[in-house]
Structure formats: structure tokens, C-alpha cells
Amino acid sequence: MDLEQLRDDVWDRVVPASGLDAGWWALLALAVALVAVVVPVIWLRARLAVTIVHELGHAVIGMLLGRRFTGFVVSADMSGHAVTVGPRRGFGRVASTWAGYPAPAVVGALLVQLAFGGWAGAVLLAALVVLVLSVVFARSAHTVLTVLVTAALVAAVWWWGGPLGAACLLLGAGVLLLLGAWRHLGSVIATGGRHDDPGQLAELTGVPAWLWNGTFVLVIGACTFWGWTALSPHLM
């Protein structure tokens, strides 16, 4: 394959697809996402996507507010943590700490919206670039492996799945992130401690952890409504 042919093939996978009507593929993507969140043995692996977006949420907001992102780790149980360097207190530290739990819901709702607009190929390429770049900030062999496996899956669907496969993956990932955001939040509300994000926010600000959890509920709830309004017309 010469460079010109490669360029054309890449371009064909990036330009918006037309004539892609919702149908069985939307129901299939929704069903797979629901099963992945509900079935414990599948969720143990599927939560990887939620964890990666959670940690990158910390990183992106931290960098936007002047902090330096030094790395992140995904543990064997698919939990994780990200490290940003900057002032120990202040708005930047609070905002970057807060951003983790809402991030999967925000990204999930956006993916659901974009899945039906023909932009799935472009979005998957952007996600692939972010995943590859994030390998530089991985701070364990397990983290590198999990990110690379995720990137390989995205790349395979982007290259060989066609517009339908890309849209199906995008919708399934969006629903998974939305539902996973609720499941992650439920877990931290039920069993979280002082080292989890709400506990750290309470120490940083003096505002009780339950109030911070309330802000997470509001944002995730708003994103869920956004995602549902984008999805529901295509299920009628």
C-alpha cells in the first residue's frame, strides 16, 4: 500500500458517514453495554474504560488549570489514580480532584450524541490518538498493557469495522461510560474513605464529602438526561 492509498483510506474513515440509520445496531450496542455493567465478571474488565476516562479527567482539568500531569496507574482490579503536580491547595487542586467522577458521564453523553451524527470514525481516531499519547504517562507495566489493549481494540474497529461498526462501538462505549459513572459513584458513596476523591475534597475544602457526592450526582444526572434525549428518538 503506497502513501497516497493509505492517505485515502484514512480519509475515508474520518469523513462523516451519511445514510446511517439507527436500527438493530443501536439496540445491540445498548444491550451489550447494559450486560457489561450488570454482569460482575464482565464489569470487572469493562470498568477499565471508566477508570481510564476518570483518571484522564483529573489530568485534563489539572493541566487546563496550570497543574503538571506526571502520570497515572491502572491497578489489577481496574481501579486507578492520576498524579498532577502543583500547589497543594487552591482552586486548581480542588477542580482537578473533583473532575474524575463526572468525566466518564460527560464523555459518555457526548459519545452517544456523536454516534448518530456520522462522526464515529473521526471520534474513534481522536480517541486512538489520546490513548496512544497517554501511554507516555503510564507508570506501571500493567497500565501500559491495558491502555495498549484498549487502543488496539479501538484501532481494529476503526480500520475494519466500517461506519456501522464505528457507530456501534461509539454508542456502546457512551452508554457504558454513563452507566459506569453511576456504578463508580455508588461504590464510592457506599464504601469510600478519606483517600477517595470525596474524602480528599473534604480535607481540601472543609466541605463534607456527602456534599461533594451530591455535586457528582447532579452532573452525572444531567449527562444521563442528555444522553437519553440523544438516544431515545432512535429507539422509537
C-alpha atoms as a PDB file:
ATOM      1  CA  MET A   1       0.000   0.000   0.000  1.00  0.00           C
ATOM      2  CA  ASP A   2       1.537   3.324  -1.063  1.00  0.00           C
ATOM      3  CA  LEU A   3       1.283   6.549   0.922  1.00  0.00           C
ATOM      4  CA  GLU A   4      -1.386   8.016  -1.338  1.00  0.00           C
ATOM      5  CA  GLN A   5      -3.594   4.959  -0.954  1.00  0.00           C
ATOM      6  CA  LEU A   6      -3.036   4.992   2.832  1.00  0.00           C
ATOM      7  CA  ARG A   7      -3.990   8.670   2.967  1.00  0.00           C
ATOM      8  CA  ASP A   8      -7.177   7.990   1.028  1.00  0.00           C
ATOM      9  CA  ASP A   9      -8.063   5.036   3.257  1.00  0.00           C
ATOM     10  CA  VAL A  10      -7.564   7.115   6.398  1.00  0.00           C
ATOM     11  CA  TRP A  11      -9.608   9.962   4.947  1.00  0.00           C
ATOM     12  CA  ASP A  12     -12.456   7.582   4.061  1.00  0.00           C
ATOM     13  CA  ARG A  13     -12.595   6.511   7.714  1.00  0.00           C
ATOM     14  CA  VAL A  14     -12.618  10.083   9.045  1.00  0.00           C
ATOM     15  CA  VAL A  15     -15.149  11.907   6.853  1.00  0.00           C
ATOM     16  CA  PRO A  16     -18.723  11.863   8.227  1.00  0.00           C
ATOM     17  CA  ALA A  17     -20.750   8.843   7.140  1.00  0.00           C
ATOM     18  CA  SER A  18     -24.120   9.504   5.542  1.00  0.00           C
ATOM     19  CA  GLY A  19     -27.241   7.388   5.363  1.00  0.00           C
ATOM     20  CA  LEU A  20     -26.539   5.518   8.600  1.00  0.00           C
ATOM     21  CA  ASP A  21     -29.986   4.996  10.108  1.00  0.00           C
ATOM     22  CA  ALA A  22     -30.479   3.715  13.625  1.00  0.00           C
ATOM     23  CA  GLY A  23     -31.702   0.164  13.801  1.00  0.00           C
ATOM     24  CA  TRP A  24     -30.646  -3.181  15.152  1.00  0.00           C
ATOM     25  CA  TRP A  25     -27.089  -1.966  15.714  1.00  0.00           C
ATOM     26  CA  ALA A  26     -28.262   0.678  18.208  1.00  0.00           C
ATOM     27  CA  LEU A  27     -30.244  -1.894  20.179  1.00  0.00           C
ATOM     28  CA  LEU A  28     -27.291  -4.301  20.072  1.00  0.00           C
ATOM     29  CA  ALA A  29     -24.852  -1.657  21.350  1.00  0.00           C
ATOM     30  CA  LEU A  30     -27.259  -0.692  24.130  1.00  0.00           C
ATOM     31  CA  ALA A  31     -27.794  -4.324  25.163  1.00  0.00           C
ATOM     32  CA  VAL A  32     -24.059  -5.101  25.235  1.00  0.00           C
ATOM     33  CA  ALA A  33     -23.349  -2.020  27.347  1.00  0.00           C
ATOM     34  CA  LEU A  34     -26.106  -2.948  29.817  1.00  0.00           C
ATOM     35  CA  VAL A  35     -24.787  -6.504  30.154  1.00  0.00           C
ATOM     36  CA  ALA A  36     -21.231  -5.235  30.628  1.00  0.00           C
ATOM     37  CA  VAL A  37     -22.283  -3.042  33.555  1.00  0.00           C
ATOM     38  CA  VAL A  38     -24.681  -5.521  35.206  1.00  0.00           C
ATOM     39  CA  VAL A  39     -22.753  -8.824  34.985  1.00  0.00           C
ATOM     40  CA  PRO A  40     -19.963  -8.740  37.614  1.00  0.00           C
ATOM     41  CA  VAL A  41     -17.421 -10.881  35.756  1.00  0.00           C
ATOM     42  CA  ILE A  42     -17.751  -8.693  32.636  1.00  0.00           C
ATOM     43  CA  TRP A  43     -17.837  -5.451  34.614  1.00  0.00           C
ATOM     44  CA  LEU A  44     -14.500  -6.336  36.215  1.00  0.00           C
ATOM     45  CA  ARG A  45     -12.895  -5.815  32.790  1.00  0.00           C
ATOM     46  CA  ALA A  46     -15.328  -3.351  31.248  1.00  0.00           C
ATOM     47  CA  ARG A  47     -14.786  -0.836  34.069  1.00  0.00           C
ATOM     48  CA  LEU A  48     -11.333  -0.292  32.590  1.00  0.00           C
ATOM     49  CA  ALA A  49     -12.854   2.229  30.176  1.00  0.00           C
ATOM     50  CA  VAL A  50     -14.484   4.130  33.026  1.00  0.00           C
ATOM     51  CA  THR A  51     -11.246   4.135  35.031  1.00  0.00           C
ATOM     52  CA  ILE A  52      -9.155   5.458  32.136  1.00  0.00           C
ATOM     53  CA  VAL A  53     -11.596   8.311  31.442  1.00  0.00           C
ATOM     54  CA  HIS A  54     -11.835   9.051  35.177  1.00  0.00           C
ATOM     55  CA  GLU A  55      -8.065   9.408  35.502  1.00  0.00           C
ATOM     56  CA  LEU A  56      -7.710  11.406  32.288  1.00  0.00           C
ATOM     57  CA  GLY A  57     -10.466  13.687  33.609  1.00  0.00           C
ATOM     58  CA  HIS A  58      -8.233  14.514  36.573  1.00  0.00           C
ATOM     59  CA  ALA A  59      -5.325  15.087  34.200  1.00  0.00           C
ATOM     60  CA  VAL A  60      -7.086  17.267  31.616  1.00  0.00           C
ATOM     61  CA  ILE A  61      -8.684  19.624  34.150  1.00  0.00           C
ATOM     62  CA  GLY A  62      -5.459  19.796  36.114  1.00  0.00           C
ATOM     63  CA  MET A  63      -3.451  20.780  33.039  1.00  0.00           C
ATOM     64  CA  LEU A  64      -6.056  23.314  31.935  1.00  0.00           C
ATOM     65  CA  LEU A  65      -5.692  24.979  35.337  1.00  0.00           C
ATOM     66  CA  GLY A  66      -1.902  25.077  35.286  1.00  0.00           C
ATOM     67  CA  ARG A  67      -1.005  21.838  37.030  1.00  0.00           C
ATOM     68  CA  ARG A  68       1.505  19.366  35.571  1.00  0.00           C
ATOM     69  CA  PHE A  69       0.306  15.850  34.796  1.00  0.00           C
ATOM     70  CA  THR A  70       3.052  13.379  35.683  1.00  0.00           C
ATOM     71  CA  GLY A  71       1.358  10.025  35.219  1.00  0.00           C
ATOM     72  CA  PHE A  72      -1.409   7.587  36.056  1.00  0.00           C
ATOM     73  CA  VAL A  73      -1.728   3.967  37.130  1.00  0.00           C
ATOM     74  CA  VAL A  74      -4.420   1.369  36.417  1.00  0.00           C
ATOM     75  CA  SER A  75      -4.319  -1.382  39.047  1.00  0.00           C
ATOM     76  CA  ALA A  76      -5.043  -5.065  38.527  1.00  0.00           C
ATOM     77  CA  ASP A  77      -8.578  -4.587  39.933  1.00  0.00           C
ATOM     78  CA  MET A  78      -9.123  -1.854  37.283  1.00  0.00           C
ATOM     79  CA  SER A  79      -9.090   0.964  39.835  1.00  0.00           C
ATOM     80  CA  GLY A  80      -6.571   3.746  39.286  1.00  0.00           C
ATOM     81  CA  HIS A  81      -5.060   7.026  40.300  1.00  0.00           C
ATOM     82  CA  ALA A  82      -3.581  10.022  38.485  1.00  0.00           C
ATOM     83  CA  VAL A  83      -0.934  12.444  39.742  1.00  0.00           C
ATOM     84  CA  THR A  84      -0.814  16.148  38.945  1.00  0.00           C
ATOM     85  CA  VAL A  85       1.855  18.424  40.385  1.00  0.00           C
ATOM     86  CA  GLY A  86       1.140  21.936  41.595  1.00  0.00           C
ATOM     87  CA  PRO A  87       0.021  23.846  44.680  1.00  0.00           C
ATOM     88  CA  ARG A  88      -1.183  21.534  47.446  1.00  0.00           C
ATOM     89  CA  ARG A  89      -4.319  23.636  47.864  1.00  0.00           C
ATOM     90  CA  GLY A  90      -6.313  26.104  45.841  1.00  0.00           C
ATOM     91  CA  PHE A  91      -8.847  26.034  43.040  1.00  0.00           C
ATOM     92  CA  GLY A  92      -6.682  24.042  40.603  1.00  0.00           C
ATOM     93  CA  ARG A  93      -6.141  21.208  43.076  1.00  0.00           C
ATOM     94  CA  VAL A  94      -9.824  21.113  44.046  1.00  0.00           C
ATOM     95  CA  ALA A  95     -11.087  21.216  40.455  1.00  0.00           C
ATOM     96  CA  SER A  96      -8.692  18.510  39.232  1.00  0.00           C
ATOM     97  CA  THR A  97      -9.613  16.281  42.181  1.00  0.00           C
ATOM     98  CA  TRP A  98     -13.327  16.839  41.562  1.00  0.00           C
ATOM     99  CA  ALA A  99     -13.173  16.146  37.806  1.00  0.00           C
ATOM    100  CA  GLY A 100     -12.668  12.383  37.987  1.00  0.00           C
ATOM    101  CA  TYR A 101     -16.156  11.094  38.747  1.00  0.00           C
ATOM    102  CA  PRO A 102     -18.054  13.390  36.326  1.00  0.00           C
ATOM    103  CA  ALA A 103     -15.619  12.778  33.443  1.00  0.00           C
ATOM    104  CA  PRO A 104     -16.980   9.377  32.273  1.00  0.00           C
ATOM    105  CA  ALA A 105     -20.548  10.727  32.274  1.00  0.00           C
ATOM    106  CA  VAL A 106     -19.625  13.847  30.297  1.00  0.00           C
ATOM    107  CA  VAL A 107     -17.642  11.852  27.738  1.00  0.00           C
ATOM    108  CA  GLY A 108     -20.312   9.137  27.613  1.00  0.00           C
ATOM    109  CA  ALA A 109     -23.138  11.556  26.851  1.00  0.00           C
ATOM    110  CA  LEU A 110     -21.033  13.213  24.163  1.00  0.00           C
ATOM    111  CA  LEU A 111     -20.265   9.853  22.540  1.00  0.00           C
ATOM    112  CA  VAL A 112     -23.951   8.913  22.481  1.00  0.00           C
ATOM    113  CA  GLN A 113     -24.714  12.244  20.807  1.00  0.00           C
ATOM    114  CA  LEU A 114     -21.980  11.798  18.193  1.00  0.00           C
ATOM    115  CA  ALA A 115     -22.775   8.146  17.443  1.00  0.00           C
ATOM    116  CA  PHE A 116     -25.844   9.155  15.439  1.00  0.00           C
ATOM    117  CA  GLY A 117     -24.257  12.075  13.612  1.00  0.00           C
ATOM    118  CA  GLY A 118     -21.956  10.157  11.273  1.00  0.00           C
ATOM    119  CA  TRP A 119     -18.803  11.269  13.099  1.00  0.00           C
ATOM    120  CA  ALA A 120     -17.984   7.936  14.723  1.00  0.00           C
ATOM    121  CA  GLY A 121     -14.885   7.323  12.589  1.00  0.00           C
ATOM    122  CA  ALA A 122     -13.377  10.713  13.405  1.00  0.00           C
ATOM    123  CA  VAL A 123     -14.146  10.321  17.095  1.00  0.00           C
ATOM    124  CA  LEU A 124     -12.553   6.861  17.232  1.00  0.00           C
ATOM    125  CA  LEU A 125      -9.422   8.220  15.570  1.00  0.00           C
ATOM    126  CA  ALA A 126      -9.263  11.036  18.134  1.00  0.00           C
ATOM    127  CA  ALA A 127      -9.738   8.505  20.954  1.00  0.00           C
ATOM    128  CA  LEU A 128      -6.974   6.356  19.489  1.00  0.00           C
ATOM    129  CA  VAL A 129      -4.582   9.326  19.432  1.00  0.00           C
ATOM    130  CA  VAL A 130      -5.407  10.173  23.063  1.00  0.00           C
ATOM    131  CA  LEU A 131      -4.848   6.573  24.155  1.00  0.00           C
ATOM    132  CA  VAL A 132      -1.502   6.304  22.373  1.00  0.00           C
ATOM    133  CA  LEU A 133      -0.304   9.604  23.820  1.00  0.00           C
ATOM    134  CA  SER A 134      -1.438   8.600  27.302  1.00  0.00           C
ATOM    135  CA  VAL A 135       0.948   5.617  27.228  1.00  0.00           C
ATOM    136  CA  VAL A 136       3.756   8.127  27.824  1.00  0.00           C
ATOM    137  CA  PHE A 137       2.194   8.915  31.208  1.00  0.00           C
ATOM    138  CA  ALA A 138       1.577   5.294  32.258  1.00  0.00           C
ATOM    139  CA  ARG A 139       3.514   4.477  35.413  1.00  0.00           C
ATOM    140  CA  SER A 140       3.312   0.678  35.502  1.00  0.00           C
ATOM    141  CA  ALA A 141       3.629  -2.227  33.082  1.00  0.00           C
ATOM    142  CA  HIS A 142       0.024  -3.200  33.773  1.00  0.00           C
ATOM    143  CA  THR A 143      -1.139   0.323  32.908  1.00  0.00           C
ATOM    144  CA  VAL A 144       0.805   0.303  29.643  1.00  0.00           C
ATOM    145  CA  LEU A 145      -0.663  -3.080  28.727  1.00  0.00           C
ATOM    146  CA  THR A 146      -4.255  -2.128  29.498  1.00  0.00           C
ATOM    147  CA  VAL A 147      -4.035   1.139  27.564  1.00  0.00           C
ATOM    148  CA  LEU A 148      -2.406  -0.555  24.560  1.00  0.00           C
ATOM    149  CA  VAL A 149      -5.024  -3.331  24.500  1.00  0.00           C
ATOM    150  CA  THR A 150      -7.779  -0.716  24.597  1.00  0.00           C
ATOM    151  CA  ALA A 151      -6.075   1.233  21.816  1.00  0.00           C
ATOM    152  CA  ALA A 152      -5.726  -1.941  19.721  1.00  0.00           C
ATOM    153  CA  LEU A 153      -9.461  -2.642  20.075  1.00  0.00           C
ATOM    154  CA  VAL A 154     -10.373   0.902  19.042  1.00  0.00           C
ATOM    155  CA  ALA A 155      -7.933   0.777  16.115  1.00  0.00           C
ATOM    156  CA  ALA A 156      -9.309  -2.558  14.873  1.00  0.00           C
ATOM    157  CA  VAL A 157     -12.906  -1.342  14.871  1.00  0.00           C
ATOM    158  CA  TRP A 158     -11.927   1.992  13.305  1.00  0.00           C
ATOM    159  CA  TRP A 159      -9.981   0.360  10.472  1.00  0.00           C
ATOM    160  CA  TRP A 160     -12.057  -2.746   9.741  1.00  0.00           C
ATOM    161  CA  GLY A 161     -15.466  -2.078  11.267  1.00  0.00           C
ATOM    162  CA  GLY A 162     -16.715   0.459   8.730  1.00  0.00           C
ATOM    163  CA  PRO A 163     -19.160   3.253   9.603  1.00  0.00           C
ATOM    164  CA  LEU A 164     -21.599   0.797  11.182  1.00  0.00           C
ATOM    165  CA  GLY A 165     -19.001  -0.830  13.424  1.00  0.00           C
ATOM    166  CA  ALA A 166     -17.589   2.547  14.457  1.00  0.00           C
ATOM    167  CA  ALA A 167     -21.040   3.888  15.326  1.00  0.00           C
ATOM    168  CA  CYS A 168     -21.905   0.734  17.257  1.00  0.00           C
ATOM    169  CA  LEU A 169     -18.694   0.916  19.311  1.00  0.00           C
ATOM    170  CA  LEU A 170     -19.160   4.630  19.945  1.00  0.00           C
ATOM    171  CA  LEU A 171     -22.731   4.187  21.160  1.00  0.00           C
ATOM    172  CA  GLY A 172     -21.867   1.165  23.296  1.00  0.00           C
ATOM    173  CA  ALA A 173     -18.904   2.968  24.833  1.00  0.00           C
ATOM    174  CA  GLY A 174     -21.015   6.035  25.530  1.00  0.00           C
ATOM    175  CA  VAL A 175     -23.724   4.052  27.332  1.00  0.00           C
ATOM    176  CA  LEU A 176     -21.073   2.038  29.190  1.00  0.00           C
ATOM    177  CA  LEU A 177     -19.409   5.233  30.424  1.00  0.00           C
ATOM    178  CA  LEU A 178     -22.714   6.761  31.505  1.00  0.00           C
ATOM    179  CA  LEU A 179     -23.862   3.695  33.418  1.00  0.00           C
ATOM    180  CA  GLY A 180     -20.346   3.041  34.680  1.00  0.00           C
ATOM    181  CA  ALA A 181     -20.170   6.569  36.073  1.00  0.00           C
ATOM    182  CA  TRP A 182     -23.216   5.763  38.235  1.00  0.00           C
ATOM    183  CA  ARG A 183     -21.748   2.449  39.341  1.00  0.00           C
ATOM    184  CA  HIS A 184     -18.394   4.039  40.264  1.00  0.00           C
ATOM    185  CA  LEU A 185     -20.174   6.785  42.185  1.00  0.00           C
ATOM    186  CA  GLY A 186     -22.388   4.286  44.004  1.00  0.00           C
ATOM    187  CA  SER A 187     -19.307   2.366  45.071  1.00  0.00           C
ATOM    188  CA  VAL A 188     -17.521   5.406  46.497  1.00  0.00           C
ATOM    189  CA  ILE A 189     -20.688   6.583  48.288  1.00  0.00           C
ATOM    190  CA  ALA A 190     -21.117   3.152  49.870  1.00  0.00           C
ATOM    191  CA  THR A 191     -17.526   2.312  50.775  1.00  0.00           C
ATOM    192  CA  GLY A 192     -15.369   5.370  50.077  1.00  0.00           C
ATOM    193  CA  GLY A 193     -12.869   6.664  52.620  1.00  0.00           C
ATOM    194  CA  ARG A 194     -10.656   9.663  53.212  1.00  0.00           C
ATOM    195  CA  HIS A 195      -8.284   8.676  50.400  1.00  0.00           C
ATOM    196  CA  ASP A 196     -11.018   8.646  47.735  1.00  0.00           C
ATOM    197  CA  ASP A 197     -11.879  11.792  45.777  1.00  0.00           C
ATOM    198  CA  PRO A 198     -14.794  12.946  48.005  1.00  0.00           C
ATOM    199  CA  GLY A 199     -12.675  12.414  51.113  1.00  0.00           C
ATOM    200  CA  GLN A 200      -9.778  14.365  49.636  1.00  0.00           C
ATOM    201  CA  LEU A 201     -12.123  17.170  48.600  1.00  0.00           C
ATOM    202  CA  ALA A 202     -13.479  17.311  52.143  1.00  0.00           C
ATOM    203  CA  GLU A 203      -9.942  17.654  53.530  1.00  0.00           C
ATOM    204  CA  LEU A 204      -9.027  20.308  50.972  1.00  0.00           C
ATOM    205  CA  THR A 205     -12.107  22.479  51.459  1.00  0.00           C
ATOM    206  CA  GLY A 206     -13.792  21.597  54.741  1.00  0.00           C
ATOM    207  CA  VAL A 207     -16.989  20.819  52.796  1.00  0.00           C
ATOM    208  CA  PRO A 208     -18.365  17.385  53.802  1.00  0.00           C
ATOM    209  CA  ALA A 209     -17.811  14.507  51.416  1.00  0.00           C
ATOM    210  CA  TRP A 210     -21.560  13.902  51.088  1.00  0.00           C
ATOM    211  CA  LEU A 211     -21.997  17.360  49.580  1.00  0.00           C
ATOM    212  CA  TRP A 212     -19.293  16.646  47.025  1.00  0.00           C
ATOM    213  CA  ASN A 213     -21.047  13.385  46.216  1.00  0.00           C
ATOM    214  CA  GLY A 214     -24.191  15.448  45.699  1.00  0.00           C
ATOM    215  CA  THR A 215     -22.421  17.529  43.033  1.00  0.00           C
ATOM    216  CA  PHE A 216     -21.388  14.312  41.296  1.00  0.00           C
ATOM    217  CA  VAL A 217     -24.998  13.110  41.315  1.00  0.00           C
ATOM    218  CA  LEU A 218     -26.185  16.370  39.765  1.00  0.00           C
ATOM    219  CA  VAL A 219     -23.609  16.349  36.958  1.00  0.00           C
ATOM    220  CA  ILE A 220     -23.962  12.645  36.174  1.00  0.00           C
ATOM    221  CA  GLY A 221     -27.738  13.005  36.272  1.00  0.00           C
ATOM    222  CA  ALA A 222     -27.635  15.924  33.820  1.00  0.00           C
ATOM    223  CA  CYS A 223     -25.353  13.948  31.496  1.00  0.00           C
ATOM    224  CA  THR A 224     -27.653  10.922  31.698  1.00  0.00           C
ATOM    225  CA  PHE A 225     -30.594  13.101  30.669  1.00  0.00           C
ATOM    226  CA  TRP A 226     -28.509  14.496  27.796  1.00  0.00           C
ATOM    227  CA  GLY A 227     -27.543  11.012  26.649  1.00  0.00           C
ATOM    228  CA  TRP A 228     -31.136   9.768  26.901  1.00  0.00           C
ATOM    229  CA  THR A 229     -32.514  12.667  24.856  1.00  0.00           C
ATOM    230  CA  ALA A 230     -29.955  11.834  22.150  1.00  0.00           C
ATOM    231  CA  LEU A 231     -30.657   8.093  22.255  1.00  0.00           C
ATOM    232  CA  SER A 232     -34.403   7.793  22.836  1.00  0.00           C
ATOM    233  CA  PRO A 233     -35.616   9.120  19.436  1.00  0.00           C
ATOM    234  CA  HIS A 234     -33.660   6.327  17.753  1.00  0.00           C
ATOM    235  CA  LEU A 235     -35.322   3.618  19.843  1.00  0.00           C
ATOM    236  CA  MET A 236     -38.882   4.519  18.868  1.00  0.00           C
END
